[in-house]
C-alpha atoms as a PDB file:
ATOM      1  CA  UNK A   1      11.296  26.645 -19.351  1.00  0.00           C
ATOM      2  CA  UNK A   2      11.440  26.678 -15.608  1.00  0.00           C
ATOM      3  CA  UNK A   3       9.053  24.606 -13.507  1.00  0.00           C
ATOM      4  CA  UNK A   4       8.195  24.934  -9.866  1.00  0.00           C
ATOM      5  CA  UNK A   5       8.233  21.833  -7.602  1.00  0.00           C
ATOM      6  CA  UNK A   6       4.298  21.775  -7.797  1.00  0.00           C
ATOM      7  CA  UNK A   7       4.649  21.815 -11.668  1.00  0.00           C
ATOM      8  CA  UNK A   8       7.065  18.903 -11.500  1.00  0.00           C
ATOM      9  CA  UNK A   9       4.927  16.958  -9.089  1.00  0.00           C
ATOM     10  CA  UNK A  10       2.136  17.273 -11.658  1.00  0.00           C
ATOM     11  CA  UNK A  11       4.375  16.089 -14.452  1.00  0.00           C
ATOM     12  CA  UNK A  12       5.278  13.025 -12.495  1.00  0.00           C
ATOM     13  CA  UNK A  13       1.531  12.413 -11.965  1.00  0.00           C
ATOM     14  CA  UNK A  14       0.969  12.791 -15.606  1.00  0.00           C
ATOM     15  CA  UNK A  15       3.575   9.997 -16.245  1.00  0.00           C
ATOM     16  CA  UNK A  16       1.982   7.981 -13.519  1.00  0.00           C
ATOM     17  CA  UNK A  17      -1.357   8.090 -15.409  1.00  0.00           C
ATOM     18  CA  UNK A  18       0.265   6.766 -18.535  1.00  0.00           C
ATOM     19  CA  UNK A  19       0.777   3.352 -16.918  1.00  0.00           C
ATOM     20  CA  UNK A  20      -1.375   0.557 -18.100  1.00  0.00           C
ATOM     21  CA  UNK A  21      -0.534  -1.850 -15.318  1.00  0.00           C
ATOM     22  CA  UNK A  22      -0.583  -1.570 -11.399  1.00  0.00           C
ATOM     23  CA  UNK A  23       0.915  -0.269  -9.256  1.00  0.00           C
ATOM     24  CA  UNK A  24       1.121   2.913 -11.437  1.00  0.00           C
ATOM     25  CA  UNK A  25       4.242   4.760 -10.944  1.00  0.00           C
ATOM     26  CA  UNK A  26       5.539   8.062 -12.627  1.00  0.00           C
ATOM     27  CA  UNK A  27       8.809   9.833 -12.258  1.00  0.00           C
ATOM     28  CA  UNK A  28      10.539  13.145 -13.441  1.00  0.00           C
ATOM     29  CA  UNK A  29      14.026  14.393 -12.884  1.00  0.00           C
ATOM     30  CA  UNK A  30      14.827  18.219 -12.818  1.00  0.00           C
ATOM     31  CA  UNK A  31      17.596  20.414 -11.963  1.00  0.00           C
ATOM     32  CA  UNK A  32      17.223  24.196 -11.034  1.00  0.00           C
ATOM     33  CA  UNK A  33      13.625  23.969 -12.203  1.00  0.00           C
ATOM     34  CA  UNK A  34      14.536  22.475 -15.705  1.00  0.00           C
ATOM     35  CA  UNK A  35      12.812  19.222 -16.574  1.00  0.00           C
ATOM     36  CA  UNK A  36      15.648  16.739 -17.747  1.00  0.00           C
ATOM     37  CA  UNK A  37      13.803  13.431 -18.105  1.00  0.00           C
ATOM     38  CA  UNK A  38      10.624  11.417 -17.265  1.00  0.00           C
ATOM     39  CA  UNK A  39       9.662   7.768 -16.988  1.00  0.00           C
ATOM     40  CA  UNK A  40       6.735   5.520 -16.159  1.00  0.00           C
ATOM     41  CA  UNK A  41       6.281   1.870 -15.144  1.00  0.00           C
ATOM     42  CA  UNK A  42       5.697  -0.042 -18.250  1.00  0.00           C
ATOM     43  CA  UNK A  43       7.616   2.281 -20.598  1.00  0.00           C
ATOM     44  CA  UNK A  44      10.235  -0.447 -20.633  1.00  0.00           C
ATOM     45  CA  UNK A  45       9.322  -4.005 -19.580  1.00  0.00           C
ATOM     46  CA  UNK A  46      10.300  -4.793 -16.012  1.00  0.00           C
ATOM     47  CA  UNK A  47      11.973  -1.461 -15.359  1.00  0.00           C
ATOM     48  CA  UNK A  48      10.804   0.803 -12.584  1.00  0.00           C
ATOM     49  CA  UNK A  49       9.833   4.410 -13.393  1.00  0.00           C
ATOM     50  CA  UNK A  50      12.703   5.969 -11.391  1.00  0.00           C
ATOM     51  CA  UNK A  51      15.339   3.758 -13.093  1.00  0.00           C
ATOM     52  CA  UNK A  52      13.847   4.592 -16.570  1.00  0.00           C
ATOM     53  CA  UNK A  53      14.025   8.361 -15.947  1.00  0.00           C
ATOM     54  CA  UNK A  54      17.727   7.948 -14.547  1.00  0.00           C
ATOM     55  CA  UNK A  55      18.917   5.840 -17.283  1.00  0.00           C
ATOM     56  CA  UNK A  56      17.951   8.607 -19.943  1.00  0.00           C
ATOM     57  CA  UNK A  57      20.555  10.972 -18.355  1.00  0.00           C
ATOM     58  CA  UNK A  58      24.455  11.159 -17.858  1.00  0.00           C
ATOM     59  CA  UNK A  59      26.154  11.423 -14.543  1.00  0.00           C
ATOM     60  CA  UNK A  60      26.843  15.126 -14.976  1.00  0.00           C
ATOM     61  CA  UNK A  61      23.088  15.797 -15.504  1.00  0.00           C
ATOM     62  CA  UNK A  62      22.051  13.592 -12.558  1.00  0.00           C
ATOM     63  CA  UNK A  63      24.621  15.089 -10.044  1.00  0.00           C
ATOM     64  CA  UNK A  64      22.765  17.580  -7.806  1.00  0.00           C
ATOM     65  CA  UNK A  65      19.329  16.957  -9.500  1.00  0.00           C
ATOM     66  CA  UNK A  66      15.979  16.442  -7.888  1.00  0.00           C
ATOM     67  CA  UNK A  67      13.742  13.353  -8.542  1.00  0.00           C
ATOM     68  CA  UNK A  68       9.983  13.384  -8.222  1.00  0.00           C
ATOM     69  CA  UNK A  69       8.398   9.962  -7.861  1.00  0.00           C
ATOM     70  CA  UNK A  70       4.704   9.191  -7.243  1.00  0.00           C
ATOM     71  CA  UNK A  71       5.649   6.054  -5.204  1.00  0.00           C
ATOM     72  CA  UNK A  72       8.256   5.455  -2.675  1.00  0.00           C
ATOM     73  CA  UNK A  73      11.398   3.968  -4.278  1.00  0.00           C
ATOM     74  CA  UNK A  74      11.947   0.176  -3.878  1.00  0.00           C
ATOM     75  CA  UNK A  75      14.552  -1.333  -1.621  1.00  0.00           C
ATOM     76  CA  UNK A  76      16.642  -4.632  -1.809  1.00  0.00           C
ATOM     77  CA  UNK A  77      14.452  -7.363  -0.816  1.00  0.00           C
ATOM     78  CA  UNK A  78      16.863 -10.273  -0.996  1.00  0.00           C
ATOM     79  CA  UNK A  79      20.628 -10.677  -1.597  1.00  0.00           C
ATOM     80  CA  UNK A  80      20.457 -12.457  -4.966  1.00  0.00           C
ATOM     81  CA  UNK A  81      18.254  -9.731  -6.634  1.00  0.00           C
ATOM     82  CA  UNK A  82      19.094  -9.567 -10.352  1.00  0.00           C
ATOM     83  CA  UNK A  83      18.680  -5.771 -10.413  1.00  0.00           C
ATOM     84  CA  UNK A  84      19.607  -3.515  -7.602  1.00  0.00           C
ATOM     85  CA  UNK A  85      16.924  -1.287  -5.897  1.00  0.00           C
ATOM     86  CA  UNK A  86      15.790   2.100  -6.982  1.00  0.00           C
ATOM     87  CA  UNK A  87      16.768   3.505  -3.602  1.00  0.00           C
ATOM     88  CA  UNK A  88      20.347   2.318  -3.982  1.00  0.00           C
ATOM     89  CA  UNK A  89      20.416   3.577  -7.561  1.00  0.00           C
ATOM     90  CA  UNK A  90      19.345   7.021  -6.426  1.00  0.00           C
ATOM     91  CA  UNK A  91      22.015   7.183  -4.014  1.00  0.00           C
ATOM     92  CA  UNK A  92      24.716   6.142  -6.309  1.00  0.00           C
ATOM     93  CA  UNK A  93      24.084   8.678  -9.229  1.00  0.00           C
ATOM     94  CA  UNK A  94      24.310  11.730  -7.140  1.00  0.00           C
ATOM     95  CA  UNK A  95      20.711  12.877  -6.906  1.00  0.00           C
ATOM     96  CA  UNK A  96      20.371  15.495  -4.207  1.00  0.00           C
ATOM     97  CA  UNK A  97      16.819  15.659  -3.452  1.00  0.00           C
ATOM     98  CA  UNK A  98      13.728  13.351  -3.810  1.00  0.00           C
ATOM     99  CA  UNK A  99      10.063  14.150  -3.719  1.00  0.00           C
ATOM    100  CA  UNK A 100       7.710  11.228  -2.960  1.00  0.00           C
ATOM    101  CA  UNK A 101       4.073  10.955  -3.710  1.00  0.00           C
ATOM    102  CA  UNK A 102       2.997   8.102  -1.309  1.00  0.00           C
ATOM    103  CA  UNK A 103       4.849   5.535   0.771  1.00  0.00           C
ATOM    104  CA  UNK A 104       4.428   2.030  -0.483  1.00  0.00           C
ATOM    105  CA  UNK A 105       1.831   0.166   1.556  1.00  0.00           C
ATOM    106  CA  UNK A 106       3.651  -3.052   0.826  1.00  0.00           C
ATOM    107  CA  UNK A 107       4.725  -3.855   4.406  1.00  0.00           C
ATOM    108  CA  UNK A 108       8.263  -5.058   3.314  1.00  0.00           C
ATOM    109  CA  UNK A 109       8.874  -1.794   1.645  1.00  0.00           C
ATOM    110  CA  UNK A 110       6.879   0.745   3.686  1.00  0.00           C
ATOM    111  CA  UNK A 111       9.150   3.579   4.800  1.00  0.00           C
ATOM    112  CA  UNK A 112      12.249   1.580   3.995  1.00  0.00           C
ATOM    113  CA  UNK A 113      13.008   3.394   0.714  1.00  0.00           C
ATOM    114  CA  UNK A 114      12.411   6.670   2.524  1.00  0.00           C
ATOM    115  CA  UNK A 115      14.758   5.576   5.372  1.00  0.00           C
ATOM    116  CA  UNK A 116      17.392   4.479   2.819  1.00  0.00           C
ATOM    117  CA  UNK A 117      17.573   7.860   1.208  1.00  0.00           C
ATOM    118  CA  UNK A 118      17.514   9.829   4.471  1.00  0.00           C
ATOM    119  CA  UNK A 119      20.334   7.640   5.943  1.00  0.00           C
ATOM    120  CA  UNK A 120      22.453   8.520   2.780  1.00  0.00           C
ATOM    121  CA  UNK A 121      22.046  12.260   3.296  1.00  0.00           C
ATOM    122  CA  UNK A 122      19.439  12.768   0.512  1.00  0.00           C
ATOM    123  CA  UNK A 123      16.744  15.460   1.363  1.00  0.00           C
ATOM    124  CA  UNK A 124      13.288  13.830   1.083  1.00  0.00           C
ATOM    125  CA  UNK A 125      10.020  15.690   0.827  1.00  0.00           C
ATOM    126  CA  UNK A 126       6.605  14.651   0.019  1.00  0.00           C
ATOM    127  CA  UNK A 127       4.062  15.732  -2.624  1.00  0.00           C
ATOM    128  CA  UNK A 128       1.285  18.073  -1.411  1.00  0.00           C
ATOM    129  CA  UNK A 129      -1.819  16.530   0.267  1.00  0.00           C
ATOM    130  CA  UNK A 130      -4.145  17.034  -2.659  1.00  0.00           C
ATOM    131  CA  UNK A 131      -1.784  15.257  -5.032  1.00  0.00           C
ATOM    132  CA  UNK A 132      -0.972  12.564  -2.532  1.00  0.00           C
ATOM    133  CA  UNK A 133      -4.813  11.760  -2.300  1.00  0.00           C
ATOM    134  CA  UNK A 134      -5.143  11.526  -6.115  1.00  0.00           C
ATOM    135  CA  UNK A 135      -2.042   9.251  -6.373  1.00  0.00           C
ATOM    136  CA  UNK A 136      -3.491   7.016  -3.629  1.00  0.00           C
ATOM    137  CA  UNK A 137      -6.543   6.482  -5.636  1.00  0.00           C
ATOM    138  CA  UNK A 138      -4.875   5.740  -8.876  1.00  0.00           C
ATOM    139  CA  UNK A 139      -1.752   3.860  -7.844  1.00  0.00           C
ATOM    140  CA  UNK A 140      -3.061   0.443  -6.790  1.00  0.00           C
ATOM    141  CA  UNK A 141      -5.574  -1.639  -8.725  1.00  0.00           C
ATOM    142  CA  UNK A 142      -7.654  -1.825  -5.341  1.00  0.00           C
ATOM    143  CA  UNK A 143      -7.628   1.979  -4.932  1.00  0.00           C
ATOM    144  CA  UNK A 144      -7.525   3.427  -1.392  1.00  0.00           C
ATOM    145  CA  UNK A 145      -5.686   1.077   0.859  1.00  0.00           C
ATOM    146  CA  UNK A 146      -8.004   1.835   3.800  1.00  0.00           C
ATOM    147  CA  UNK A 147     -11.204   1.133   2.086  1.00  0.00           C
ATOM    148  CA  UNK A 148     -12.723  -2.158   0.602  1.00  0.00           C
ATOM    149  CA  UNK A 149     -16.056  -3.122  -0.870  1.00  0.00           C
ATOM    150  CA  UNK A 150     -18.191  -6.177  -1.137  1.00  0.00           C
ATOM    151  CA  UNK A 151     -15.753  -9.059  -1.173  1.00  0.00           C
ATOM    152  CA  UNK A 152     -12.175  -9.765  -2.341  1.00  0.00           C
ATOM    153  CA  UNK A 153      -8.587 -10.389  -1.131  1.00  0.00           C
ATOM    154  CA  UNK A 154      -5.924  -7.797  -0.165  1.00  0.00           C
ATOM    155  CA  UNK A 155      -2.318  -7.745   1.096  1.00  0.00           C
ATOM    156  CA  UNK A 156      -1.865  -4.796   3.629  1.00  0.00           C
ATOM    157  CA  UNK A 157       0.927  -3.682   5.898  1.00  0.00           C
ATOM    158  CA  UNK A 158       0.648  -4.143   9.563  1.00  0.00           C
ATOM    159  CA  UNK A 159       3.435  -2.178  10.942  1.00  0.00           C
ATOM    160  CA  UNK A 160       3.760  -0.139  14.280  1.00  0.00           C
ATOM    161  CA  UNK A 161       0.208   0.595  15.290  1.00  0.00           C
ATOM    162  CA  UNK A 162      -1.435  -1.399  12.526  1.00  0.00           C
ATOM    163  CA  UNK A 163      -3.925  -0.527   9.816  1.00  0.00           C
ATOM    164  CA  UNK A 164      -7.644   0.654   9.961  1.00  0.00           C
ATOM    165  CA  UNK A 165      -9.904  -0.485   7.169  1.00  0.00           C
ATOM    166  CA  UNK A 166     -13.437   0.315   6.358  1.00  0.00           C
ATOM    167  CA  UNK A 167     -15.555  -2.419   4.763  1.00  0.00           C
ATOM    168  CA  UNK A 168     -18.544  -0.953   2.525  1.00  0.00           C
ATOM    169  CA  UNK A 169     -21.322  -3.294   1.646  1.00  0.00           C
ATOM    170  CA  UNK A 170     -20.731  -2.218  -1.952  1.00  0.00           C
ATOM    171  CA  UNK A 171     -19.754   0.845  -4.085  1.00  0.00           C
ATOM    172  CA  UNK A 172     -23.435   1.932  -4.242  1.00  0.00           C
ATOM    173  CA  UNK A 173     -24.476   0.814  -0.638  1.00  0.00           C
ATOM    174  CA  UNK A 174     -22.727   2.965   1.926  1.00  0.00           C
ATOM    175  CA  UNK A 175     -23.264   0.746   4.979  1.00  0.00           C
ATOM    176  CA  UNK A 176     -19.993   0.215   6.500  1.00  0.00           C
ATOM    177  CA  UNK A 177     -18.067  -1.772   9.201  1.00  0.00           C
ATOM    178  CA  UNK A 178     -14.644  -0.757  10.572  1.00  0.00           C
ATOM    179  CA  UNK A 179     -11.871  -3.237  10.940  1.00  0.00           C
ATOM    180  CA  UNK A 180      -8.445  -2.975  12.497  1.00  0.00           C
ATOM    181  CA  UNK A 181      -5.369  -5.251  12.013  1.00  0.00           C
ATOM    182  CA  UNK A 182      -2.940  -4.923  14.825  1.00  0.00           C
ATOM    183  CA  UNK A 183      -0.109  -6.655  16.777  1.00  0.00           C
ATOM    184  CA  UNK A 184       1.419  -8.684  13.975  1.00  0.00           C
ATOM    185  CA  UNK A 185       3.606 -11.442  15.429  1.00  0.00           C
ATOM    186  CA  UNK A 186       4.898 -13.406  12.511  1.00  0.00           C
ATOM    187  CA  UNK A 187       7.218 -15.446  14.858  1.00  0.00           C
ATOM    188  CA  UNK A 188       4.229 -16.722  16.543  1.00  0.00           C
ATOM    189  CA  UNK A 189       1.978 -16.781  13.392  1.00  0.00           C
ATOM    190  CA  UNK A 190      -0.698 -14.591  14.483  1.00  0.00           C
ATOM    191  CA  UNK A 191      -2.174 -11.251  14.132  1.00  0.00           C
ATOM    192  CA  UNK A 192      -5.086  -9.402  15.891  1.00  0.00           C
ATOM    193  CA  UNK A 193      -8.349  -8.395  14.186  1.00  0.00           C
ATOM    194  CA  UNK A 194     -10.434  -5.978  16.011  1.00  0.00           C
ATOM    195  CA  UNK A 195     -13.492  -3.779  15.575  1.00  0.00           C
ATOM    196  CA  UNK A 196     -16.028  -2.237  17.946  1.00  0.00           C
ATOM    197  CA  UNK A 197     -16.581  -3.854  21.390  1.00  0.00           C
ATOM    198  CA  UNK A 198     -18.398  -7.048  21.061  1.00  0.00           C
ATOM    199  CA  UNK A 199     -18.178  -7.086  17.253  1.00  0.00           C
ATOM    200  CA  UNK A 200     -15.938  -9.982  16.562  1.00  0.00           C
ATOM    201  CA  UNK A 201     -16.638 -13.801  16.835  1.00  0.00           C
ATOM    202  CA  UNK A 202     -14.369 -16.637  15.695  1.00  0.00           C
ATOM    203  CA  UNK A 203     -16.025 -19.017  13.175  1.00  0.00           C
ATOM    204  CA  UNK A 204     -14.604 -21.970  14.911  1.00  0.00           C
ATOM    205  CA  UNK A 205     -14.274 -24.956  12.693  1.00  0.00           C
ATOM    206  CA  UNK A 206     -14.837 -23.316   9.391  1.00  0.00           C
ATOM    207  CA  UNK A 207     -12.037 -23.530   6.868  1.00  0.00           C
ATOM    208  CA  UNK A 208     -13.515 -21.546   3.957  1.00  0.00           C
ATOM    209  CA  UNK A 209     -15.953 -18.638   3.824  1.00  0.00           C
ATOM    210  CA  UNK A 210     -18.455 -20.797   2.049  1.00  0.00           C
ATOM    211  CA  UNK A 211     -18.424 -23.146   5.112  1.00  0.00           C
ATOM    212  CA  UNK A 212     -20.160 -20.264   7.181  1.00  0.00           C
ATOM    213  CA  UNK A 213     -23.943 -20.701   6.019  1.00  0.00           C
ATOM    214  CA  UNK A 214     -25.205 -18.786   8.972  1.00  0.00           C
ATOM    215  CA  UNK A 215     -22.755 -16.362  10.641  1.00  0.00           C
ATOM    216  CA  UNK A 216     -25.242 -15.869  13.650  1.00  0.00           C
ATOM    217  CA  UNK A 217     -24.523 -19.407  14.897  1.00  0.00           C
ATOM    218  CA  UNK A 218     -21.118 -18.562  16.279  1.00  0.00           C
ATOM    219  CA  UNK A 219     -20.981 -17.558  19.938  1.00  0.00           C
ATOM    220  CA  UNK A 220     -18.611 -15.646  22.315  1.00  0.00           C
ATOM    221  CA  UNK A 221     -18.401 -12.144  20.886  1.00  0.00           C
ATOM    222  CA  UNK A 222     -15.217 -10.141  21.795  1.00  0.00           C
ATOM    223  CA  UNK A 223     -13.594  -6.906  20.806  1.00  0.00           C
ATOM    224  CA  UNK A 224     -10.755  -8.727  18.945  1.00  0.00           C
ATOM    225  CA  UNK A 225      -9.741 -12.103  17.624  1.00  0.00           C
ATOM    226  CA  UNK A 226      -6.132 -13.310  17.592  1.00  0.00           C
ATOM    227  CA  UNK A 227      -6.122 -14.815  14.062  1.00  0.00           C
ATOM    228  CA  UNK A 228      -3.878 -17.598  12.699  1.00  0.00           C
ATOM    229  CA  UNK A 229      -3.518 -18.619   9.217  1.00  0.00           C
ATOM    230  CA  UNK A 230      -6.741 -20.046   7.865  1.00  0.00           C
ATOM    231  CA  UNK A 231      -8.883 -18.825  10.665  1.00  0.00           C
ATOM    232  CA  UNK A 232     -12.220 -17.066   9.854  1.00  0.00           C
ATOM    233  CA  UNK A 233     -13.926 -14.493  12.013  1.00  0.00           C
ATOM    234  CA  UNK A 234     -17.369 -12.763  11.801  1.00  0.00           C
ATOM    235  CA  UNK A 235     -17.371  -9.114  12.310  1.00  0.00           C
ATOM    236  CA  UNK A 236     -20.844  -7.355  13.090  1.00  0.00           C
ATOM    237  CA  UNK A 237     -21.104  -4.409  15.514  1.00  0.00           C
ATOM    238  CA  UNK A 238     -24.408  -4.231  17.346  1.00  0.00           C
ATOM    239  CA  UNK A 239     -25.904  -1.448  15.125  1.00  0.00           C
ATOM    240  CA  UNK A 240     -24.880  -3.033  11.884  1.00  0.00           C
ATOM    241  CA  UNK A 241     -27.374  -4.469   9.446  1.00  0.00           C
ATOM    242  CA  UNK A 242     -24.888  -6.740   7.798  1.00  0.00           C
ATOM    243  CA  UNK A 243     -21.794  -8.669   8.780  1.00  0.00           C
ATOM    244  CA  UNK A 244     -18.268  -9.196   7.321  1.00  0.00           C
ATOM    245  CA  UNK A 245     -16.541 -12.578   7.164  1.00  0.00           C
ATOM    246  CA  UNK A 246     -12.760 -12.315   7.414  1.00  0.00           C
ATOM    247  CA  UNK A 247     -10.330 -15.183   6.653  1.00  0.00           C
ATOM    248  CA  UNK A 248      -6.514 -14.761   7.218  1.00  0.00           C
ATOM    249  CA  UNK A 249      -4.796 -16.358   4.218  1.00  0.00           C
ATOM    250  CA  UNK A 250      -1.202 -15.536   4.915  1.00  0.00           C
ATOM    251  CA  UNK A 251       1.218 -13.803   7.278  1.00  0.00           C
ATOM    252  CA  UNK A 252       4.498 -12.253   6.254  1.00  0.00           C
ATOM    253  CA  UNK A 253       7.091 -10.335   8.137  1.00  0.00           C
ATOM    254  CA  UNK A 254       5.385  -6.939   7.877  1.00  0.00           C
ATOM    255  CA  UNK A 255       2.054  -7.586   6.223  1.00  0.00           C
ATOM    256  CA  UNK A 256      -0.811  -9.963   5.754  1.00  0.00           C
ATOM    257  CA  UNK A 257      -3.036 -11.381   3.041  1.00  0.00           C
ATOM    258  CA  UNK A 258      -6.729 -11.638   3.942  1.00  0.00           C
ATOM    259  CA  UNK A 259     -10.078 -12.329   2.332  1.00  0.00           C
ATOM    260  CA  UNK A 260     -13.375 -10.727   3.172  1.00  0.00           C
ATOM    261  CA  UNK A 261     -16.988 -11.109   2.173  1.00  0.00           C
ATOM    262  CA  UNK A 262     -20.087  -9.183   3.228  1.00  0.00           C
ATOM    263  CA  UNK A 263     -23.229 -10.791   4.203  1.00  0.00           C
ATOM    264  CA  UNK A 264     -26.710  -9.299   4.653  1.00  0.00           C
ATOM    265  CA  UNK A 265     -28.192  -9.851   8.112  1.00  0.00           C
ATOM    266  CA  UNK A 266     -31.146 -12.198   7.490  1.00  0.00           C
END
């Protein structure tokens, strides 16, 4: 049976949906429209979906083939890694074309797998927009990377122009406040948190979100706060009926870990 590229994207998504752990990743390999193998994360313990699909085939089958993967292939993160990266493996086995569902939002990987493939003369294309949107919702345990609800913790990339995040009061209460993380400077240990003009106040002296018993006591509103590890800010635009407390937990080279909590305006 001969499959179209869209058919093969959907097959990769079907594999992706078989995953019982996050992040969900599915892969399919084809040549001239013929499906050769599939794989999904969790099919073999500790082995990534792309590697599972590749290991099911011989070199002759892989030469000139096309890989469909729902998530950007990983890259080498440190020199003593026990297993090489999927991007390096794809390059080494002779795969000619790669279709990617979504780029990995982990700041240490974001666009690096894509870049590695392109630099090694592999043609890289992306799944269609409708499938990308579905993959974005199903890949990570926190769902859409640009949306958060209620309270929690999240690690997000802050690369180039940063990342915009909308905080909803809850999944049933659609009141929202926009946040932006920009200007990450790991060498100086800081990152900028911004929102609408006059919406951000630093909760000076507070160490934990529970220390902030009344967010309204903090003064000096600004359009951004230069956050360092452990700092807490209160975000409440003038027209908002609730506020968001934001605590910076950790900074990395390309991403940050932060905690947030919504509070009703008394």
